[in-house]
Structures are given as structure tokens and as C-alpha cells.
Amino acid sequence: MVSRTNKTIEMKLTDYELEDVKSWDYPDFCDAFISYAEDENGKELTEEQIQEWTEKNESEFYEMILDFLR
């Protein structure tokens, strides 16, 4: 019997850049994405890590977009 544990690692982004945020696309912002990000230790995230973070943190990502527009 093989037992696997799915670990969720929470990562906080401290520095990031957003691209393709268009106010006219509210509320969907379907083209917006994070083009660059660093974790709380200052380590640059890969594109795959950014994609995974975005998928697992949809509400935080949405808040980032709204903050960007303010």
C-alpha cells in the first residue's frame, strides 16, 4: 500500500508585476496575468510556479488587479 500526502505550500508574493490589465475588461480581466513575481524570501518564481499560484489563489489575484487599477 502506498500512501501519499498532498501538501499545500502557501506562498506569499512580495514583489510582482501584472500585465494586460484593462479596466474595460471588468469584472473578468481575462487577459491579465502575473509576468514576474518573487516569494517572501526574495526568490524569483518560475512561470510554472506563478501559474500554479494564480490558479490556487484566484481571489488574491483578483484583489491584486483591483489594487493595480486604483
PDB file of N, CA and C in Angstrom:
ATOM      1  N   MET A   1       0.851  -1.187   0.000  1.00  0.00           N
ATOM      2  CA  MET A   1       0.000   0.000   0.000  1.00  0.00           C
ATOM      3  C   MET A   1       0.891   1.242   0.000  1.00  0.00           C
ATOM      4  N   VAL A   2       0.579   2.138  -0.876  1.00  0.00           N
ATOM      5  CA  VAL A   2       1.328   3.384  -0.969  1.00  0.00           C
ATOM      6  C   VAL A   2       0.436   4.512  -0.489  1.00  0.00           C
ATOM      7  N   SER A   3       0.976   5.292   0.396  1.00  0.00           N
ATOM      8  CA  SER A   3       0.224   6.419   0.931  1.00  0.00           C
ATOM      9  C   SER A   3       0.907   7.708   0.479  1.00  0.00           C
ATOM     10  N   ARG A   4       0.128   8.613  -0.014  1.00  0.00           N
ATOM     11  CA  ARG A   4       0.663   9.898  -0.449  1.00  0.00           C
ATOM     12  C   ARG A   4      -0.057  11.008   0.288  1.00  0.00           C
ATOM     13  N   THR A   5       0.687  12.002   0.608  1.00  0.00           N
ATOM     14  CA  THR A   5       0.113  13.170   1.264  1.00  0.00           C
ATOM     15  C   THR A   5       0.247  14.353   0.326  1.00  0.00           C
ATOM     16  N   ASN A   6      -0.863  14.976   0.038  1.00  0.00           N
ATOM     17  CA  ASN A   6      -0.823  16.185  -0.786  1.00  0.00           C
ATOM     18  C   ASN A   6      -0.560  17.362   0.133  1.00  0.00           C
ATOM     19  N   LYS A   7       0.567  17.979  -0.039  1.00  0.00           N
ATOM     20  CA  LYS A   7       0.948  19.115   0.767  1.00  0.00           C
ATOM     21  C   LYS A   7       0.634  20.393   0.022  1.00  0.00           C
ATOM     22  N   THR A   8      -0.008  21.299   0.688  1.00  0.00           N
ATOM     23  CA  THR A   8      -0.256  22.603   0.112  1.00  0.00           C
ATOM     24  C   THR A   8       0.753  23.565   0.722  1.00  0.00           C
ATOM     25  N   ILE A   9       1.555  24.138  -0.109  1.00  0.00           N
ATOM     26  CA  ILE A   9       2.535  25.099   0.365  1.00  0.00           C
ATOM     27  C   ILE A   9       2.010  26.483   0.031  1.00  0.00           C
ATOM     28  N   GLU A  10       1.772  27.248   1.070  1.00  0.00           N
ATOM     29  CA  GLU A  10       1.289  28.598   0.853  1.00  0.00           C
ATOM     30  C   GLU A  10       2.465  29.515   0.624  1.00  0.00           C
ATOM     31  N   MET A  11       2.365  30.294  -0.410  1.00  0.00           N
ATOM     32  CA  MET A  11       3.437  31.180  -0.785  1.00  0.00           C
ATOM     33  C   MET A  11       2.885  32.598  -0.871  1.00  0.00           C
ATOM     34  N   LYS A  12       3.584  33.524  -0.256  1.00  0.00           N
ATOM     35  CA  LYS A  12       3.178  34.916  -0.339  1.00  0.00           C
ATOM     36  C   LYS A  12       4.073  35.624  -1.337  1.00  0.00           C
ATOM     37  N   LEU A  13       3.449  36.396  -2.187  1.00  0.00           N
ATOM     38  CA  LEU A  13       4.199  37.169  -3.168  1.00  0.00           C
ATOM     39  C   LEU A  13       4.481  38.547  -2.572  1.00  0.00           C
ATOM     40  N   THR A  14       5.733  38.958  -2.617  1.00  0.00           N
ATOM     41  CA  THR A  14       6.083  40.259  -2.059  1.00  0.00           C
ATOM     42  C   THR A  14       6.388  41.281  -3.144  1.00  0.00           C
ATOM     43  N   ASP A  15       6.776  40.817  -4.294  1.00  0.00           N
ATOM     44  CA  ASP A  15       7.083  41.706  -5.416  1.00  0.00           C
ATOM     45  C   ASP A  15       6.549  41.046  -6.679  1.00  0.00           C
ATOM     46  N   TYR A  16       5.764  41.771  -7.436  1.00  0.00           N
ATOM     47  CA  TYR A  16       5.183  41.177  -8.645  1.00  0.00           C
ATOM     48  C   TYR A  16       4.869  42.261  -9.665  1.00  0.00           C
ATOM     49  N   GLU A  17       4.725  41.829 -10.904  1.00  0.00           N
ATOM     50  CA  GLU A  17       4.332  42.715 -11.991  1.00  0.00           C
ATOM     51  C   GLU A  17       3.146  42.098 -12.712  1.00  0.00           C
ATOM     52  N   LEU A  18       2.150  42.927 -12.980  1.00  0.00           N
ATOM     53  CA  LEU A  18       0.964  42.489 -13.713  1.00  0.00           C
ATOM     54  C   LEU A  18       1.030  43.004 -15.139  1.00  0.00           C
ATOM     55  N   GLU A  19       0.495  42.219 -16.046  1.00  0.00           N
ATOM     56  CA  GLU A  19       0.443  42.602 -17.463  1.00  0.00           C
ATOM     57  C   GLU A  19      -0.991  42.462 -17.972  1.00  0.00           C
ATOM     58  N   ASP A  20      -1.292  43.205 -19.000  1.00  0.00           N
ATOM     59  CA  ASP A  20      -2.573  43.153 -19.714  1.00  0.00           C
ATOM     60  C   ASP A  20      -3.799  43.364 -18.822  1.00  0.00           C
ATOM     61  N   VAL A  21      -3.669  44.258 -17.858  1.00  0.00           N
ATOM     62  CA  VAL A  21      -4.820  44.624 -17.029  1.00  0.00           C
ATOM     63  C   VAL A  21      -5.527  45.770 -17.740  1.00  0.00           C
ATOM     64  N   LYS A  22      -6.747  45.513 -18.153  1.00  0.00           N
ATOM     65  CA  LYS A  22      -7.523  46.507 -18.898  1.00  0.00           C
ATOM     66  C   LYS A  22      -8.814  46.811 -18.133  1.00  0.00           C
ATOM     67  N   SER A  23      -9.005  48.067 -17.790  1.00  0.00           N
ATOM     68  CA  SER A  23     -10.178  48.438 -16.993  1.00  0.00           C
ATOM     69  C   SER A  23     -11.483  48.124 -17.713  1.00  0.00           C
ATOM     70  N   TRP A  24     -11.487  48.203 -19.038  1.00  0.00           N
ATOM     71  CA  TRP A  24     -12.714  47.925 -19.779  1.00  0.00           C
ATOM     72  C   TRP A  24     -13.094  46.437 -19.732  1.00  0.00           C
ATOM     73  N   ASP A  25     -12.180  45.597 -19.257  1.00  0.00           N
ATOM     74  CA  ASP A  25     -12.455  44.160 -19.163  1.00  0.00           C
ATOM     75  C   ASP A  25     -13.053  43.770 -17.811  1.00  0.00           C
ATOM     76  N   TYR A  26     -13.383  44.757 -16.991  1.00  0.00           N
ATOM     77  CA  TYR A  26     -14.007  44.488 -15.697  1.00  0.00           C
ATOM     78  C   TYR A  26     -15.350  43.808 -15.911  1.00  0.00           C
ATOM     79  N   PRO A  27     -15.750  42.827 -15.149  1.00  0.00           N
ATOM     80  CA  PRO A  27     -15.086  42.251 -13.991  1.00  0.00           C
ATOM     81  C   PRO A  27     -14.256  40.997 -14.303  1.00  0.00           C
ATOM     82  N   ASP A  28     -14.132  40.646 -15.550  1.00  0.00           N
ATOM     83  CA  ASP A  28     -13.470  39.379 -15.888  1.00  0.00           C
ATOM     84  C   ASP A  28     -11.944  39.448 -15.860  1.00  0.00           C
ATOM     85  N   PHE A  29     -11.388  40.488 -16.425  1.00  0.00           N
ATOM     86  CA  PHE A  29      -9.931  40.635 -16.535  1.00  0.00           C
ATOM     87  C   PHE A  29      -9.291  39.366 -17.098  1.00  0.00           C
ATOM     88  N   CYS A  30      -9.875  38.852 -18.153  1.00  0.00           N
ATOM     89  CA  CYS A  30      -9.461  37.552 -18.689  1.00  0.00           C
ATOM     90  C   CYS A  30      -8.061  37.541 -19.294  1.00  0.00           C
ATOM     91  N   ASP A  31      -7.512  38.710 -19.666  1.00  0.00           N
ATOM     92  CA  ASP A  31      -6.168  38.750 -20.248  1.00  0.00           C
ATOM     93  C   ASP A  31      -5.073  39.036 -19.219  1.00  0.00           C
ATOM     94  N   ALA A  32      -5.456  39.443 -18.027  1.00  0.00           N
ATOM     95  CA  ALA A  32      -4.480  39.822 -17.005  1.00  0.00           C
ATOM     96  C   ALA A  32      -3.684  38.611 -16.525  1.00  0.00           C
ATOM     97  N   PHE A  33      -2.396  38.868 -16.269  1.00  0.00           N
ATOM     98  CA  PHE A  33      -1.543  37.804 -15.745  1.00  0.00           C
ATOM     99  C   PHE A  33      -0.361  38.401 -15.004  1.00  0.00           C
ATOM    100  N   ILE A  34       0.267  37.580 -14.173  1.00  0.00           N
ATOM    101  CA  ILE A  34       1.466  37.986 -13.447  1.00  0.00           C
ATOM    102  C   ILE A  34       2.654  37.631 -14.322  1.00  0.00           C
ATOM    103  N   SER A  35       3.436  38.628 -14.683  1.00  0.00           N
ATOM    104  CA  SER A  35       4.585  38.380 -15.561  1.00  0.00           C
ATOM    105  C   SER A  35       5.877  38.165 -14.781  1.00  0.00           C
ATOM    106  N   TYR A  36       5.897  38.614 -13.529  1.00  0.00           N
ATOM    107  CA  TYR A  36       7.085  38.457 -12.697  1.00  0.00           C
ATOM    108  C   TYR A  36       6.629  38.418 -11.245  1.00  0.00           C
ATOM    109  N   ALA A  37       7.251  37.569 -10.449  1.00  0.00           N
ATOM    110  CA  ALA A  37       6.908  37.519  -9.025  1.00  0.00           C
ATOM    111  C   ALA A  37       8.079  36.976  -8.222  1.00  0.00           C
ATOM    112  N   GLU A  38       8.156  37.455  -6.973  1.00  0.00           N
ATOM    113  CA  GLU A  38       9.116  36.944  -6.003  1.00  0.00           C
ATOM    114  C   GLU A  38       8.345  36.482  -4.780  1.00  0.00           C
ATOM    115  N   ASP A  39       8.864  35.429  -4.141  1.00  0.00           N
ATOM    116  CA  ASP A  39       8.238  34.963  -2.912  1.00  0.00           C
ATOM    117  C   ASP A  39       8.711  35.821  -1.742  1.00  0.00           C
ATOM    118  N   GLU A  40       8.241  35.493  -0.548  1.00  0.00           N
ATOM    119  CA  GLU A  40       8.558  36.304   0.622  1.00  0.00           C
ATOM    120  C   GLU A  40      10.039  36.275   0.993  1.00  0.00           C
ATOM    121  N   ASN A  41      10.797  35.344   0.406  1.00  0.00           N
ATOM    122  CA  ASN A  41      12.240  35.272   0.646  1.00  0.00           C
ATOM    123  C   ASN A  41      13.042  35.971  -0.450  1.00  0.00           C
ATOM    124  N   GLY A  42      12.353  36.595  -1.403  1.00  0.00           N
ATOM    125  CA  GLY A  42      13.022  37.309  -2.476  1.00  0.00           C
ATOM    126  C   GLY A  42      13.444  36.432  -3.643  1.00  0.00           C
ATOM    127  N   LYS A  43      12.980  35.181  -3.660  1.00  0.00           N
ATOM    128  CA  LYS A  43      13.335  34.262  -4.737  1.00  0.00           C
ATOM    129  C   LYS A  43      12.356  34.433  -5.904  1.00  0.00           C
ATOM    130  N   GLU A  44      12.903  34.556  -7.106  1.00  0.00           N
ATOM    131  CA  GLU A  44      12.068  34.701  -8.293  1.00  0.00           C
ATOM    132  C   GLU A  44      11.336  33.400  -8.589  1.00  0.00           C
ATOM    133  N   LEU A  45      10.045  33.509  -8.888  1.00  0.00           N
ATOM    134  CA  LEU A  45       9.245  32.337  -9.223  1.00  0.00           C
ATOM    135  C   LEU A  45       9.344  32.034 -10.708  1.00  0.00           C
ATOM    136  N   THR A  46       9.245  30.766 -11.048  1.00  0.00           N
ATOM    137  CA  THR A  46       9.210  30.363 -12.442  1.00  0.00           C
ATOM    138  C   THR A  46       7.811  30.617 -12.997  1.00  0.00           C
ATOM    139  N   GLU A  47       7.687  30.551 -14.310  1.00  0.00           N
ATOM    140  CA  GLU A  47       6.364  30.713 -14.931  1.00  0.00           C
ATOM    141  C   GLU A  47       5.383  29.672 -14.415  1.00  0.00           C
ATOM    142  N   GLU A  48       5.863  28.445 -14.226  1.00  0.00           N
ATOM    143  CA  GLU A  48       5.004  27.365 -13.727  1.00  0.00           C
ATOM    144  C   GLU A  48       4.541  27.650 -12.304  1.00  0.00           C
ATOM    145  N   GLN A  49       5.430  28.150 -11.466  1.00  0.00           N
ATOM    146  CA  GLN A  49       5.067  28.482 -10.094  1.00  0.00           C
ATOM    147  C   GLN A  49       4.061  29.628 -10.055  1.00  0.00           C
ATOM    148  N   ILE A  50       4.264  30.618 -10.918  1.00  0.00           N
ATOM    149  CA  ILE A  50       3.318  31.736 -10.988  1.00  0.00           C
ATOM    150  C   ILE A  50       1.949  31.242 -11.432  1.00  0.00           C
ATOM    151  N   GLN A  51       1.911  30.389 -12.427  1.00  0.00           N
ATOM    152  CA  GLN A  51       0.639  29.836 -12.913  1.00  0.00           C
ATOM    153  C   GLN A  51      -0.059  29.050 -11.814  1.00  0.00           C
ATOM    154  N   GLU A  52       0.682  28.222 -11.109  1.00  0.00           N
ATOM    155  CA  GLU A  52       0.105  27.420 -10.024  1.00  0.00           C
ATOM    156  C   GLU A  52      -0.414  28.332  -8.912  1.00  0.00           C
ATOM    157  N   TRP A  53       0.357  29.353  -8.556  1.00  0.00           N
ATOM    158  CA  TRP A  53      -0.072  30.282  -7.516  1.00  0.00           C
ATOM    159  C   TRP A  53      -1.368  30.976  -7.933  1.00  0.00           C
ATOM    160  N   THR A  54      -1.422  31.429  -9.187  1.00  0.00           N
ATOM    161  CA  THR A  54      -2.605  32.130  -9.688  1.00  0.00           C
ATOM    162  C   THR A  54      -3.839  31.238  -9.625  1.00  0.00           C
ATOM    163  N   GLU A  55      -3.696  29.982 -10.015  1.00  0.00           N
ATOM    164  CA  GLU A  55      -4.821  29.053 -10.005  1.00  0.00           C
ATOM    165  C   GLU A  55      -5.300  28.754  -8.585  1.00  0.00           C
ATOM    166  N   LYS A  56      -4.390  28.711  -7.637  1.00  0.00           N
ATOM    167  CA  LYS A  56      -4.756  28.368  -6.259  1.00  0.00           C
ATOM    168  C   LYS A  56      -5.148  29.573  -5.424  1.00  0.00           C
ATOM    169  N   ASN A  57      -4.917  30.770  -5.936  1.00  0.00           N
ATOM    170  CA  ASN A  57      -5.188  31.996  -5.186  1.00  0.00           C
ATOM    171  C   ASN A  57      -5.973  32.989  -6.031  1.00  0.00           C
ATOM    172  N   GLU A  58      -7.072  32.524  -6.594  1.00  0.00           N
ATOM    173  CA  GLU A  58      -7.843  33.358  -7.513  1.00  0.00           C
ATOM    174  C   GLU A  58      -8.322  34.656  -6.874  1.00  0.00           C
ATOM    175  N   SER A  59      -8.810  34.601  -5.643  1.00  0.00           N
ATOM    176  CA  SER A  59      -9.329  35.817  -5.013  1.00  0.00           C
ATOM    177  C   SER A  59      -8.206  36.808  -4.713  1.00  0.00           C
ATOM    178  N   GLU A  60      -7.041  36.338  -4.298  1.00  0.00           N
ATOM    179  CA  GLU A  60      -5.908  37.230  -4.060  1.00  0.00           C
ATOM    180  C   GLU A  60      -5.442  37.857  -5.373  1.00  0.00           C
ATOM    181  N   PHE A  61      -5.409  37.059  -6.428  1.00  0.00           N
ATOM    182  CA  PHE A  61      -5.020  37.574  -7.739  1.00  0.00           C
ATOM    183  C   PHE A  61      -5.993  38.666  -8.188  1.00  0.00           C
ATOM    184  N   TYR A  62      -7.282  38.424  -7.992  1.00  0.00           N
ATOM    185  CA  TYR A  62      -8.295  39.410  -8.363  1.00  0.00           C
ATOM    186  C   TYR A  62      -8.094  40.705  -7.577  1.00  0.00           C
ATOM    187  N   GLU A  63      -7.786  40.589  -6.292  1.00  0.00           N
ATOM    188  CA  GLU A  63      -7.523  41.777  -5.468  1.00  0.00           C
ATOM    189  C   GLU A  63      -6.295  42.537  -5.959  1.00  0.00           C
ATOM    190  N   MET A  64      -5.275  41.804  -6.407  1.00  0.00           N
ATOM    191  CA  MET A  64      -4.085  42.445  -6.971  1.00  0.00           C
ATOM    192  C   MET A  64      -4.468  43.310  -8.169  1.00  0.00           C
ATOM    193  N   ILE A  65      -5.324  42.775  -9.016  1.00  0.00           N
ATOM    194  CA  ILE A  65      -5.767  43.507 -10.208  1.00  0.00           C
ATOM    195  C   ILE A  65      -6.534  44.758  -9.804  1.00  0.00           C
ATOM    196  N   LEU A  66      -7.454  44.613  -8.861  1.00  0.00           N
ATOM    197  CA  LEU A  66      -8.231  45.777  -8.415  1.00  0.00           C
ATOM    198  C   LEU A  66      -7.321  46.833  -7.800  1.00  0.00           C
ATOM    199  N   ASP A  67      -6.348  46.420  -7.006  1.00  0.00           N
ATOM    200  CA  ASP A  67      -5.392  47.371  -6.417  1.00  0.00           C
ATOM    201  C   ASP A  67      -4.596  48.082  -7.512  1.00  0.00           C
ATOM    202  N   PHE A  68      -4.241  47.349  -8.545  1.00  0.00           N
ATOM    203  CA  PHE A  68      -3.497  47.909  -9.668  1.00  0.00           C
ATOM    204  C   PHE A  68      -4.285  49.039 -10.329  1.00  0.00           C
ATOM    205  N   LEU A  69      -5.578  48.885 -10.417  1.00  0.00           N
ATOM    206  CA  LEU A  69      -6.440  49.866 -11.091  1.00  0.00           C
ATOM    207  C   LEU A  69      -6.764  51.071 -10.223  1.00  0.00           C
ATOM    208  N   ARG A  70      -6.542  50.971  -8.937  1.00  0.00           N
ATOM    209  CA  ARG A  70      -6.878  52.090  -8.027  1.00  0.00           C
ATOM    210  C   ARG A  70      -5.867  53.190  -8.100  1.00  0.00           C
TER     211      ARG A  70
END
